[in-house]
Amino acid sequence: MSAAAGTIQLSVIIPVGDRFSDPAKLYADYRIGLEALGVAYECIFVLDGQRPLVTPQLRELASQNPEITLVGLSRSFGEAGALMVGFQHARGNVILTLPAYFQIEGSEIPTLVYGLESADLVVGHRWPRAGGWMERARRSLFHRLVAAITGVKFSDLGCGARAMRRQVLEEISLYGDQHRFLPLLADRQGFRVAEVRVRQSAGDRFTGSYRARDYAHRGLDIVTVFFLVRFTKKPLRFFGMAGVTTFAIGAGLTLWMIGERVFLMRPLAGRPLFLLSSLFVVLGLQLIALGLLGELIIFTHAREQKDYQVAEIVHFPAAAAPQIGSETARHA
């Protein structure tokens, strides 16, 4: 059921970046799963910057399908930014994000949407997953590292097929390359997150290679999410522990060398270790002060932030109290 058939219930957001497939073939495949849902939907293609190779095809596709909206950005802001722009134009209570290239079978879309019956966000896990041993090893290492740092296990954070309730993107703002870690951020916020297996598309084949800079960026993204998930409202726990440890090492070395100076008459001058221990003491105090400053900032703005979700409110009405002047009140 297209957008013209009734009130929009499902909004599909497709960010178009450097990698994309033929829009007509891709949308025809997605449409199989969308029509199977039997709900009114809209499809929003977001062009992340100037994309002259695909823009004419998308314009033609939009002219033939009234449920399609095309949004073009003035320059590239990244996939996370494109998703947030698409959400600003979305009208449905259910948001479905799909990649602009073949990644999952279009017929698997209902599996994602129906998963919202028991979750707030459902992310696809391509299975069985094609690829060589090198790709599998890299993927396994990435997810093991994320699980070790955040404490949350996922199998396919690179899958761009996700279904979520509107409230998820209303309370989580994405930027940079955080779209990959949306399930982690949603879990931290208290949303129910689930991962379901979906069939990988036969056209999902990446034949290029990753540069060393790409691996460095992913490593920095993991560090960013580590702080967002673990220490957003508890900065002193991280900086404080690092500061206390550094200060303790520096103070211990300093006391040891002072003891040698007092009891063994060993001079302090010309000993690089004494300078290093003093540096550790100063660095430890600075880290502790940085954590305290972070706590002050969080305390100041804590009233404006909410990092929880209410799952259920149960209220049993009390029995009606006797009215003044009633027969029950007179005999009381």
C-alpha atoms as a PDB file:
ATOM      1  CA  MET A   1       0.000   0.000   0.000  1.00  0.00           C
ATOM      2  CA  SER A   2       1.657   3.228  -1.122  1.00  0.00           C
ATOM      3  CA  ALA A   3       1.640   6.612   0.531  1.00  0.00           C
ATOM      4  CA  ALA A   4      -1.311   7.762  -1.507  1.00  0.00           C
ATOM      5  CA  ALA A   5      -3.480   4.952  -0.153  1.00  0.00           C
ATOM      6  CA  GLY A   6      -3.788   6.261   3.418  1.00  0.00           C
ATOM      7  CA  THR A   7      -2.063   7.694   6.453  1.00  0.00           C
ATOM      8  CA  ILE A   8       1.650   7.011   6.433  1.00  0.00           C
ATOM      9  CA  GLN A   9       2.586   4.241   8.867  1.00  0.00           C
ATOM     10  CA  LEU A  10       6.061   3.358   7.613  1.00  0.00           C
ATOM     11  CA  SER A  11       8.824   5.722   6.488  1.00  0.00           C
ATOM     12  CA  VAL A  12      11.741   4.237   4.554  1.00  0.00           C
ATOM     13  CA  ILE A  13      14.970   6.248   4.575  1.00  0.00           C
ATOM     14  CA  ILE A  14      17.667   5.402   2.014  1.00  0.00           C
ATOM     15  CA  PRO A  15      20.869   7.492   2.259  1.00  0.00           C
ATOM     16  CA  VAL A  16      22.755   7.641  -1.043  1.00  0.00           C
ATOM     17  CA  GLY A  17      26.505   8.081  -0.708  1.00  0.00           C
ATOM     18  CA  ASP A  18      29.584   6.885  -2.564  1.00  0.00           C
ATOM     19  CA  ARG A  19      28.278   3.343  -2.972  1.00  0.00           C
ATOM     20  CA  PHE A  20      24.966   2.732  -4.718  1.00  0.00           C
ATOM     21  CA  SER A  21      23.235   0.276  -7.036  1.00  0.00           C
ATOM     22  CA  ASP A  22      20.857   0.891  -9.916  1.00  0.00           C
ATOM     23  CA  PRO A  23      17.982   2.761  -8.172  1.00  0.00           C
ATOM     24  CA  ALA A  24      15.205   1.252 -10.300  1.00  0.00           C
ATOM     25  CA  LYS A  25      16.317  -2.351  -9.723  1.00  0.00           C
ATOM     26  CA  LEU A  26      17.007  -1.710  -6.041  1.00  0.00           C
ATOM     27  CA  TYR A  27      13.613  -0.098  -5.410  1.00  0.00           C
ATOM     28  CA  ALA A  28      11.833  -2.863  -7.317  1.00  0.00           C
ATOM     29  CA  ASP A  29      13.451  -5.386  -4.972  1.00  0.00           C
ATOM     30  CA  TYR A  30      12.630  -3.361  -1.845  1.00  0.00           C
ATOM     31  CA  ARG A  31       9.080  -2.818  -3.021  1.00  0.00           C
ATOM     32  CA  ILE A  32       8.400  -6.557  -2.878  1.00  0.00           C
ATOM     33  CA  GLY A  33       8.910  -6.534   0.887  1.00  0.00           C
ATOM     34  CA  LEU A  34       7.214  -3.184   1.423  1.00  0.00           C
ATOM     35  CA  GLU A  35       4.044  -4.188  -0.412  1.00  0.00           C
ATOM     36  CA  ALA A  36       3.951  -7.459   1.551  1.00  0.00           C
ATOM     37  CA  LEU A  37       3.501  -5.459   4.758  1.00  0.00           C
ATOM     38  CA  GLY A  38       0.158  -4.104   3.564  1.00  0.00           C
ATOM     39  CA  VAL A  39       0.613  -0.675   5.196  1.00  0.00           C
ATOM     40  CA  ALA A  40       0.859   2.840   3.796  1.00  0.00           C
ATOM     41  CA  TYR A  41       4.506   3.789   3.349  1.00  0.00           C
ATOM     42  CA  GLU A  42       6.740   6.497   1.969  1.00  0.00           C
ATOM     43  CA  CYS A  43      10.296   6.218   0.688  1.00  0.00           C
ATOM     44  CA  ILE A  44      12.806   9.020   1.206  1.00  0.00           C
ATOM     45  CA  PHE A  45      16.045   8.966  -0.782  1.00  0.00           C
ATOM     46  CA  VAL A  46      18.625  11.340   0.736  1.00  0.00           C
ATOM     47  CA  LEU A  47      21.455  12.363  -1.595  1.00  0.00           C
ATOM     48  CA  ASP A  48      24.503  12.903   0.594  1.00  0.00           C
ATOM     49  CA  GLY A  49      26.061  15.687  -1.458  1.00  0.00           C
ATOM     50  CA  GLN A  50      26.308  16.109  -5.216  1.00  0.00           C
ATOM     51  CA  ARG A  51      25.780  12.733  -6.898  1.00  0.00           C
ATOM     52  CA  PRO A  52      25.553  13.414 -10.646  1.00  0.00           C
ATOM     53  CA  LEU A  53      25.900   9.727 -11.564  1.00  0.00           C
ATOM     54  CA  VAL A  54      22.711   8.701  -9.782  1.00  0.00           C
ATOM     55  CA  THR A  55      20.615  11.881  -9.418  1.00  0.00           C
ATOM     56  CA  PRO A  56      18.954  11.718 -12.885  1.00  0.00           C
ATOM     57  CA  GLN A  57      17.921   8.104 -12.274  1.00  0.00           C
ATOM     58  CA  LEU A  58      16.460   8.967  -8.872  1.00  0.00           C
ATOM     59  CA  ARG A  59      14.549  11.915 -10.327  1.00  0.00           C
ATOM     60  CA  GLU A  60      13.010   9.673 -12.964  1.00  0.00           C
ATOM     61  CA  LEU A  61      12.176   7.044 -10.341  1.00  0.00           C
ATOM     62  CA  ALA A  62      10.511   9.666  -8.122  1.00  0.00           C
ATOM     63  CA  SER A  63       8.451  10.981 -11.049  1.00  0.00           C
ATOM     64  CA  GLN A  64       7.037   7.493 -11.596  1.00  0.00           C
ATOM     65  CA  ASN A  65       6.353   6.674  -7.943  1.00  0.00           C
ATOM     66  CA  PRO A  66       4.469   9.297  -5.884  1.00  0.00           C
ATOM     67  CA  GLU A  67       5.479   7.655  -2.597  1.00  0.00           C
ATOM     68  CA  ILE A  68       9.126   8.564  -3.246  1.00  0.00           C
ATOM     69  CA  THR A  69      10.622  11.816  -1.942  1.00  0.00           C
ATOM     70  CA  LEU A  70      14.076  12.945  -3.041  1.00  0.00           C
ATOM     71  CA  VAL A  71      16.113  15.104  -0.651  1.00  0.00           C
ATOM     72  CA  GLY A  72      19.457  16.509  -1.796  1.00  0.00           C
ATOM     73  CA  LEU A  73      22.113  17.885   0.555  1.00  0.00           C
ATOM     74  CA  SER A  74      24.373  20.762  -0.477  1.00  0.00           C
ATOM     75  CA  ARG A  75      27.471  18.703   0.302  1.00  0.00           C
ATOM     76  CA  SER A  76      28.384  15.390   1.867  1.00  0.00           C
ATOM     77  CA  PHE A  77      27.652  15.248   5.602  1.00  0.00           C
ATOM     78  CA  GLY A  78      28.075  11.494   6.055  1.00  0.00           C
ATOM     79  CA  GLU A  79      25.534   8.701   6.275  1.00  0.00           C
ATOM     80  CA  ALA A  80      24.559   9.539   9.861  1.00  0.00           C
ATOM     81  CA  GLY A  81      23.719  13.107   8.863  1.00  0.00           C
ATOM     82  CA  ALA A  82      21.770  11.899   5.846  1.00  0.00           C
ATOM     83  CA  LEU A  83      19.716   9.568   8.048  1.00  0.00           C
ATOM     84  CA  MET A  84      18.842  12.399  10.432  1.00  0.00           C
ATOM     85  CA  VAL A  85      17.813  14.638   7.510  1.00  0.00           C
ATOM     86  CA  GLY A  86      15.612  11.856   6.174  1.00  0.00           C
ATOM     87  CA  PHE A  87      14.043  11.435   9.609  1.00  0.00           C
ATOM     88  CA  GLN A  88      13.171  15.139   9.687  1.00  0.00           C
ATOM     89  CA  HIS A  89      11.053  14.571   6.567  1.00  0.00           C
ATOM     90  CA  ALA A  90       9.592  11.235   7.729  1.00  0.00           C
ATOM     91  CA  ARG A  91       5.934  10.999   8.771  1.00  0.00           C
ATOM     92  CA  GLY A  92       5.582   7.359   9.826  1.00  0.00           C
ATOM     93  CA  ASN A  93       5.617   5.989  13.359  1.00  0.00           C
ATOM     94  CA  VAL A  94       7.901   3.186  12.165  1.00  0.00           C
ATOM     95  CA  ILE A  95      11.226   4.085  10.554  1.00  0.00           C
ATOM     96  CA  LEU A  96      13.019   1.684   8.232  1.00  0.00           C
ATOM     97  CA  THR A  97      16.566   2.448   7.082  1.00  0.00           C
ATOM     98  CA  LEU A  98      17.867   0.636   4.018  1.00  0.00           C
ATOM     99  CA  PRO A  99      21.193   0.920   2.147  1.00  0.00           C
ATOM    100  CA  ALA A 100      21.369   2.409  -1.342  1.00  0.00           C
ATOM    101  CA  TYR A 101      22.906  -0.803  -2.655  1.00  0.00           C
ATOM    102  CA  PHE A 102      21.978  -4.468  -2.561  1.00  0.00           C
ATOM    103  CA  GLN A 103      22.686  -5.786   0.917  1.00  0.00           C
ATOM    104  CA  ILE A 104      19.674  -7.864   1.969  1.00  0.00           C
ATOM    105  CA  GLU A 105      16.873  -9.514   0.013  1.00  0.00           C
ATOM    106  CA  GLY A 106      13.905  -7.157  -0.307  1.00  0.00           C
ATOM    107  CA  SER A 107      11.562  -9.955   0.739  1.00  0.00           C
ATOM    108  CA  GLU A 108      13.222  -9.915   4.196  1.00  0.00           C
ATOM    109  CA  ILE A 109      11.893  -6.440   5.025  1.00  0.00           C
ATOM    110  CA  PRO A 110       8.783  -7.804   6.824  1.00  0.00           C
ATOM    111  CA  THR A 111      11.075  -9.832   9.096  1.00  0.00           C
ATOM    112  CA  LEU A 112      12.664  -6.598  10.308  1.00  0.00           C
ATOM    113  CA  VAL A 113       9.379  -4.750  10.777  1.00  0.00           C
ATOM    114  CA  TYR A 114       7.610  -7.621  12.547  1.00  0.00           C
ATOM    115  CA  GLY A 115      10.523  -7.801  14.968  1.00  0.00           C
ATOM    116  CA  LEU A 116       9.292  -4.511  16.450  1.00  0.00           C
ATOM    117  CA  GLU A 117       6.533  -6.447  18.189  1.00  0.00           C
ATOM    118  CA  SER A 118       9.051  -7.274  20.921  1.00  0.00           C
ATOM    119  CA  ALA A 119      11.700  -4.586  20.436  1.00  0.00           C
ATOM    120  CA  ASP A 120      12.154  -0.869  19.801  1.00  0.00           C
ATOM    121  CA  LEU A 121      14.951  -1.307  17.270  1.00  0.00           C
ATOM    122  CA  VAL A 122      15.673  -4.309  15.080  1.00  0.00           C
ATOM    123  CA  VAL A 123      18.929  -4.606  13.162  1.00  0.00           C
ATOM    124  CA  GLY A 124      19.512  -7.116  10.391  1.00  0.00           C
ATOM    125  CA  HIS A 125      22.147  -9.824  10.574  1.00  0.00           C
ATOM    126  CA  ARG A 126      23.031 -11.086   7.115  1.00  0.00           C
ATOM    127  CA  TRP A 127      23.036 -14.878   7.265  1.00  0.00           C
ATOM    128  CA  PRO A 128      24.487 -16.920   5.718  1.00  0.00           C
ATOM    129  CA  ARG A 129      27.192 -14.357   5.068  1.00  0.00           C
ATOM    130  CA  ALA A 130      29.342 -14.539   1.955  1.00  0.00           C
ATOM    131  CA  GLY A 131      32.987 -13.497   1.920  1.00  0.00           C
ATOM    132  CA  GLY A 132      36.532 -14.809   2.177  1.00  0.00           C
ATOM    133  CA  TRP A 133      38.416 -15.776   5.311  1.00  0.00           C
ATOM    134  CA  MET A 134      40.159 -12.403   5.468  1.00  0.00           C
ATOM    135  CA  GLU A 135      36.849 -10.543   5.494  1.00  0.00           C
ATOM    136  CA  ARG A 136      35.403 -12.917   8.099  1.00  0.00           C
ATOM    137  CA  ALA A 137      38.453 -12.475  10.332  1.00  0.00           C
ATOM    138  CA  ARG A 138      38.291  -8.676  10.060  1.00  0.00           C
ATOM    139  CA  ARG A 139      34.553  -8.676  10.786  1.00  0.00           C
ATOM    140  CA  SER A 140      34.946 -11.030  13.759  1.00  0.00           C
ATOM    141  CA  LEU A 141      37.780  -8.953  15.225  1.00  0.00           C
ATOM    142  CA  PHE A 142      35.742  -5.764  14.923  1.00  0.00           C
ATOM    143  CA  HIS A 143      32.673  -7.183  16.681  1.00  0.00           C
ATOM    144  CA  ARG A 144      34.747  -8.872  19.385  1.00  0.00           C
ATOM    145  CA  LEU A 145      36.474  -5.579  20.083  1.00  0.00           C
ATOM    146  CA  VAL A 146      33.156  -3.700  20.247  1.00  0.00           C
ATOM    147  CA  ALA A 147      31.702  -6.338  22.587  1.00  0.00           C
ATOM    148  CA  ALA A 148      34.756  -6.224  24.858  1.00  0.00           C
ATOM    149  CA  ILE A 149      34.664  -2.424  25.089  1.00  0.00           C
ATOM    150  CA  THR A 150      30.912  -1.830  25.354  1.00  0.00           C
ATOM    151  CA  GLY A 151      29.698  -5.098  26.869  1.00  0.00           C
ATOM    152  CA  VAL A 152      27.017  -5.480  24.157  1.00  0.00           C
ATOM    153  CA  LYS A 153      27.270  -8.218  21.526  1.00  0.00           C
ATOM    154  CA  PHE A 154      26.192  -7.801  17.909  1.00  0.00           C
ATOM    155  CA  SER A 155      27.084  -9.790  14.819  1.00  0.00           C
ATOM    156  CA  ASP A 156      26.540  -7.367  11.916  1.00  0.00           C
ATOM    157  CA  LEU A 157      26.771  -3.700  12.861  1.00  0.00           C
ATOM    158  CA  GLY A 158      27.658  -2.969   9.243  1.00  0.00           C
ATOM    159  CA  CYS A 159      24.178  -3.926   8.047  1.00  0.00           C
ATOM    160  CA  GLY A 160      22.263  -0.811   7.023  1.00  0.00           C
ATOM    161  CA  ALA A 161      18.854  -2.515   7.199  1.00  0.00           C
ATOM    162  CA  ARG A 162      17.203  -1.511  10.476  1.00  0.00           C
ATOM    163  CA  ALA A 163      13.624  -1.048  11.658  1.00  0.00           C
ATOM    164  CA  MET A 164      12.815   1.141  14.655  1.00  0.00           C
ATOM    165  CA  ARG A 165      10.083   3.002  16.394  1.00  0.00           C
ATOM    166  CA  ARG A 166      10.025   6.732  15.761  1.00  0.00           C
ATOM    167  CA  GLN A 167      10.942   7.471  19.382  1.00  0.00           C
ATOM    168  CA  VAL A 168      14.431   6.006  18.876  1.00  0.00           C
ATOM    169  CA  LEU A 169      15.582   8.723  16.471  1.00  0.00           C
ATOM    170  CA  GLU A 170      13.644  11.362  18.407  1.00  0.00           C
ATOM    171  CA  GLU A 171      15.905  10.763  21.400  1.00  0.00           C
ATOM    172  CA  ILE A 172      19.180   9.807  19.706  1.00  0.00           C
ATOM    173  CA  SER A 173      21.012  12.291  17.484  1.00  0.00           C
ATOM    174  CA  LEU A 174      23.498  10.760  15.065  1.00  0.00           C
ATOM    175  CA  TYR A 175      26.534  12.502  13.634  1.00  0.00           C
ATOM    176  CA  GLY A 176      29.768  11.551  11.932  1.00  0.00           C
ATOM    177  CA  ASP A 177      29.859   7.790  11.347  1.00  0.00           C
ATOM    178  CA  GLN A 178      27.742   6.838  14.349  1.00  0.00           C
ATOM    179  CA  HIS A 179      25.073   5.184  12.181  1.00  0.00           C
ATOM    180  CA  ARG A 180      26.997   1.918  12.533  1.00  0.00           C
ATOM    181  CA  PHE A 181      26.680   2.086  16.298  1.00  0.00           C
ATOM    182  CA  LEU A 182      22.999   3.091  16.463  1.00  0.00           C
ATOM    183  CA  PRO A 183      22.053  -0.244  18.133  1.00  0.00           C
ATOM    184  CA  LEU A 184      24.671   0.370  20.851  1.00  0.00           C
ATOM    185  CA  LEU A 185      23.509   3.931  21.464  1.00  0.00           C
ATOM    186  CA  ALA A 186      19.878   2.786  21.578  1.00  0.00           C
ATOM    187  CA  ASP A 187      20.734   0.042  24.056  1.00  0.00           C
ATOM    188  CA  ARG A 188      22.507   2.569  26.281  1.00  0.00           C
ATOM    189  CA  GLN A 189      19.432   4.808  26.135  1.00  0.00           C
ATOM    190  CA  GLY A 190      17.281   1.987  27.469  1.00  0.00           C
ATOM    191  CA  PHE A 191      15.560   0.924  24.246  1.00  0.00           C
ATOM    192  CA  ARG A 192      14.946  -2.749  23.551  1.00  0.00           C
ATOM    193  CA  VAL A 193      17.297  -3.803  20.745  1.00  0.00           C
ATOM    194  CA  ALA A 194      17.134  -7.086  18.841  1.00  0.00           C
ATOM    195  CA  GLU A 195      19.100  -8.631  15.992  1.00  0.00           C
ATOM    196  CA  VAL A 196      17.331 -10.862  13.459  1.00  0.00           C
ATOM    197  CA  ARG A 197      18.782 -12.957  10.692  1.00  0.00           C
ATOM    198  CA  VAL A 198      17.972 -11.911   7.138  1.00  0.00           C
ATOM    199  CA  ARG A 199      19.119 -13.361   3.833  1.00  0.00           C
ATOM    200  CA  GLN A 200      22.036 -11.562   2.241  1.00  0.00           C
ATOM    201  CA  SER A 201      21.463 -10.251  -1.255  1.00  0.00           C
ATOM    202  CA  ALA A 202      23.349 -11.956  -4.060  1.00  0.00           C
ATOM    203  CA  GLY A 203      24.406  -8.471  -5.190  1.00  0.00           C
ATOM    204  CA  ASP A 204      26.110  -7.661  -1.883  1.00  0.00           C
ATOM    205  CA  ARG A 205      29.685  -7.934  -3.043  1.00  0.00           C
ATOM    206  CA  PHE A 206      32.339  -5.396  -2.068  1.00  0.00           C
ATOM    207  CA  THR A 207      35.294  -5.823  -4.408  1.00  0.00           C
ATOM    208  CA  GLY A 208      37.309  -2.809  -3.267  1.00  0.00           C
ATOM    209  CA  SER A 209      39.823  -2.547  -0.448  1.00  0.00           C
ATOM    210  CA  TYR A 210      40.010  -0.541   2.752  1.00  0.00           C
ATOM    211  CA  ARG A 211      42.744   2.011   3.280  1.00  0.00           C
ATOM    212  CA  ALA A 212      44.781   2.265   6.463  1.00  0.00           C
ATOM    213  CA  ARG A 213      42.970   5.540   7.163  1.00  0.00           C
ATOM    214  CA  ASP A 214      39.623   3.698   7.145  1.00  0.00           C
ATOM    215  CA  TYR A 215      40.828   1.293   9.824  1.00  0.00           C
ATOM    216  CA  ALA A 216      42.109   4.239  11.863  1.00  0.00           C
ATOM    217  CA  HIS A 217      38.721   5.956  11.573  1.00  0.00           C
ATOM    218  CA  ARG A 218      36.896   2.813  12.718  1.00  0.00           C
ATOM    219  CA  GLY A 219      39.239   2.548  15.692  1.00  0.00           C
ATOM    220  CA  LEU A 220      38.545   6.147  16.678  1.00  0.00           C
ATOM    221  CA  ASP A 221      34.795   5.543  16.231  1.00  0.00           C
ATOM    222  CA  ILE A 222      35.005   2.637  18.671  1.00  0.00           C
ATOM    223  CA  VAL A 223      36.782   4.867  21.197  1.00  0.00           C
ATOM    224  CA  THR A 224      34.064   7.507  20.762  1.00  0.00           C
ATOM    225  CA  VAL A 225      31.282   4.987  21.322  1.00  0.00           C
ATOM    226  CA  PHE A 226      33.190   3.596  24.315  1.00  0.00           C
ATOM    227  CA  PHE A 227      32.933   6.978  26.023  1.00  0.00           C
ATOM    228  CA  LEU A 228      29.342   7.554  24.889  1.00  0.00           C
ATOM    229  CA  VAL A 229      28.186   4.165  26.171  1.00  0.00           C
ATOM    230  CA  ARG A 230      30.213   3.900  29.362  1.00  0.00           C
ATOM    231  CA  PHE A 231      31.131   7.360  30.638  1.00  0.00           C
ATOM    232  CA  THR A 232      28.780   9.967  29.172  1.00  0.00           C
ATOM    233  CA  LYS A 233      27.382  10.784  32.615  1.00  0.00           C
ATOM    234  CA  LYS A 234      30.254   9.361  34.683  1.00  0.00           C
ATOM    235  CA  PRO A 235      33.431  11.021  33.378  1.00  0.00           C
ATOM    236  CA  LEU A 236      35.139  10.934  36.773  1.00  0.00           C
ATOM    237  CA  ARG A 237      35.028   7.131  36.793  1.00  0.00           C
ATOM    238  CA  PHE A 238      37.286   7.023  33.748  1.00  0.00           C
ATOM    239  CA  PHE A 239      39.496  10.067  34.198  1.00  0.00           C
ATOM    240  CA  GLY A 240      39.525   9.584  37.971  1.00  0.00           C
ATOM    241  CA  MET A 241      40.756   5.988  37.784  1.00  0.00           C
ATOM    242  CA  ALA A 242      43.348   6.878  35.142  1.00  0.00           C
ATOM    243  CA  GLY A 243      44.432   9.893  37.201  1.00  0.00           C
ATOM    244  CA  VAL A 244      44.674   7.988  40.490  1.00  0.00           C
ATOM    245  CA  THR A 245      46.678   5.207  38.829  1.00  0.00           C
ATOM    246  CA  THR A 246      49.074   7.669  37.174  1.00  0.00           C
ATOM    247  CA  PHE A 247      49.416   9.707  40.365  1.00  0.00           C
ATOM    248  CA  ALA A 248      50.079   6.568  42.439  1.00  0.00           C
ATOM    249  CA  ILE A 249      52.844   5.411  40.087  1.00  0.00           C
ATOM    250  CA  GLY A 250      54.485   8.836  40.085  1.00  0.00           C
ATOM    251  CA  ALA A 251      54.162   9.302  43.851  1.00  0.00           C
ATOM    252  CA  GLY A 252      55.540   5.823  44.526  1.00  0.00           C
ATOM    253  CA  LEU A 253      58.595   6.399  42.340  1.00  0.00           C
ATOM    254  CA  THR A 254      59.166   9.804  43.877  1.00  0.00           C
ATOM    255  CA  LEU A 255      59.003   8.477  47.453  1.00  0.00           C
ATOM    256  CA  TRP A 256      61.308   5.614  46.556  1.00  0.00           C
ATOM    257  CA  MET A 257      63.973   7.947  45.161  1.00  0.00           C
ATOM    258  CA  ILE A 258      63.592  10.339  48.102  1.00  0.00           C
ATOM    259  CA  GLY A 259      64.145   7.367  50.402  1.00  0.00           C
ATOM    260  CA  GLU A 260      67.303   6.481  48.503  1.00  0.00           C
ATOM    261  CA  ARG A 261      68.459  10.088  48.851  1.00  0.00           C
ATOM    262  CA  VAL A 262      67.842  10.114  52.614  1.00  0.00           C
ATOM    263  CA  PHE A 263      69.118   6.678  53.572  1.00  0.00           C
ATOM    264  CA  LEU A 264      71.566   5.758  50.782  1.00  0.00           C
ATOM    265  CA  MET A 265      72.768   9.274  49.966  1.00  0.00           C
ATOM    266  CA  ARG A 266      72.091   8.820  46.256  1.00  0.00           C
ATOM    267  CA  PRO A 267      71.736  12.201  44.545  1.00  0.00           C
ATOM    268  CA  LEU A 268      68.504  13.154  42.769  1.00  0.00           C
ATOM    269  CA  ALA A 269      70.232  15.376  40.230  1.00  0.00           C
ATOM    270  CA  GLY A 270      70.825  13.841  36.839  1.00  0.00           C
ATOM    271  CA  ARG A 271      68.220  11.094  37.312  1.00  0.00           C
ATOM    272  CA  PRO A 272      65.661  11.100  34.448  1.00  0.00           C
ATOM    273  CA  LEU A 273      63.430   8.799  36.479  1.00  0.00           C
ATOM    274  CA  PHE A 274      62.873  11.586  39.013  1.00  0.00           C
ATOM    275  CA  LEU A 275      61.651  13.916  36.270  1.00  0.00           C
ATOM    276  CA  LEU A 276      59.418  11.155  34.884  1.00  0.00           C
ATOM    277  CA  SER A 277      57.881  10.438  38.297  1.00  0.00           C
ATOM    278  CA  SER A 278      57.199  14.150  38.824  1.00  0.00           C
ATOM    279  CA  LEU A 279      55.527  14.278  35.423  1.00  0.00           C
ATOM    280  CA  PHE A 280      53.321  11.323  36.400  1.00  0.00           C
ATOM    281  CA  VAL A 281      52.244  13.098  39.584  1.00  0.00           C
ATOM    282  CA  VAL A 282      51.287  16.263  37.698  1.00  0.00           C
ATOM    283  CA  LEU A 283      49.545  14.294  34.916  1.00  0.00           C
ATOM    284  CA  GLY A 284      47.569  12.289  37.464  1.00  0.00           C
ATOM    285  CA  LEU A 285      46.315  15.441  39.174  1.00  0.00           C
ATOM    286  CA  GLN A 286      45.338  16.928  35.805  1.00  0.00           C
ATOM    287  CA  LEU A 287      43.351  13.825  34.851  1.00  0.00           C
ATOM    288  CA  ILE A 288      41.489  13.893  38.155  1.00  0.00           C
ATOM    289  CA  ALA A 289      40.753  17.594  37.691  1.00  0.00           C
ATOM    290  CA  LEU A 290      39.519  16.884  34.147  1.00  0.00           C
ATOM    291  CA  GLY A 291      37.133  14.243  35.488  1.00  0.00           C
ATOM    292  CA  LEU A 292      35.819  16.625  38.142  1.00  0.00           C
ATOM    293  CA  LEU A 293      35.295  19.314  35.505  1.00  0.00           C
ATOM    294  CA  GLY A 294      33.342  16.816  33.403  1.00  0.00           C
ATOM    295  CA  GLU A 295      31.191  15.939  36.418  1.00  0.00           C
ATOM    296  CA  LEU A 296      30.407  19.624  36.962  1.00  0.00           C
ATOM    297  CA  ILE A 297      29.364  20.028  33.325  1.00  0.00           C
ATOM    298  CA  ILE A 298      27.184  16.914  33.461  1.00  0.00           C
ATOM    299  CA  PHE A 299      25.590  18.046  36.743  1.00  0.00           C
ATOM    300  CA  THR A 300      24.793  21.443  35.225  1.00  0.00           C
ATOM    301  CA  HIS A 301      23.048  19.960  32.175  1.00  0.00           C
ATOM    302  CA  ALA A 302      21.715  16.719  33.690  1.00  0.00           C
ATOM    303  CA  ARG A 303      18.191  18.119  34.007  1.00  0.00           C
ATOM    304  CA  GLU A 304      18.010  18.492  30.220  1.00  0.00           C
ATOM    305  CA  GLN A 305      19.141  14.932  29.482  1.00  0.00           C
ATOM    306  CA  LYS A 306      17.280  11.642  29.774  1.00  0.00           C
ATOM    307  CA  ASP A 307      19.125   8.354  29.503  1.00  0.00           C
ATOM    308  CA  TYR A 308      16.297   6.009  30.438  1.00  0.00           C
ATOM    309  CA  GLN A 309      13.066   4.642  28.960  1.00  0.00           C
ATOM    310  CA  VAL A 310       9.905   3.807  30.890  1.00  0.00           C
ATOM    311  CA  ALA A 311       8.793   0.297  29.921  1.00  0.00           C
ATOM    312  CA  GLU A 312       5.528   0.119  31.871  1.00  0.00           C
ATOM    313  CA  ILE A 313       3.408   2.017  34.375  1.00  0.00           C
ATOM    314  CA  VAL A 314       1.012  -0.017  36.503  1.00  0.00           C
ATOM    315  CA  HIS A 315      -1.586   1.815  38.564  1.00  0.00           C
ATOM    316  CA  PHE A 316      -4.473   0.286  40.463  1.00  0.00           C
ATOM    317  CA  PRO A 317      -7.126   2.879  41.404  1.00  0.00           C
ATOM    318  CA  ALA A 318      -7.833   3.041  45.110  1.00  0.00           C
ATOM    319  CA  ALA A 319     -11.325   2.314  46.388  1.00  0.00           C
ATOM    320  CA  ALA A 320     -13.543   5.374  46.433  1.00  0.00           C
ATOM    321  CA  ALA A 321     -13.295   7.219  49.755  1.00  0.00           C
ATOM    322  CA  PRO A 322     -16.582   7.763  51.654  1.00  0.00           C
ATOM    323  CA  GLN A 323     -18.104  11.171  51.106  1.00  0.00           C
ATOM    324  CA  ILE A 324     -18.535  13.585  54.005  1.00  0.00           C
ATOM    325  CA  GLY A 325     -22.064  13.449  55.296  1.00  0.00           C
ATOM    326  CA  SER A 326     -22.712   9.953  53.940  1.00  0.00           C
ATOM    327  CA  GLU A 327     -24.179   7.171  56.067  1.00  0.00           C
ATOM    328  CA  THR A 328     -20.756   5.470  56.295  1.00  0.00           C
ATOM    329  CA  ALA A 329     -19.111   8.668  57.500  1.00  0.00           C
ATOM    330  CA  ARG A 330     -21.760   9.234  60.183  1.00  0.00           C
ATOM    331  CA  HIS A 331     -21.287   5.778  61.683  1.00  0.00           C
ATOM    332  CA  ALA A 332     -17.483   5.956  61.581  1.00  0.00           C
END
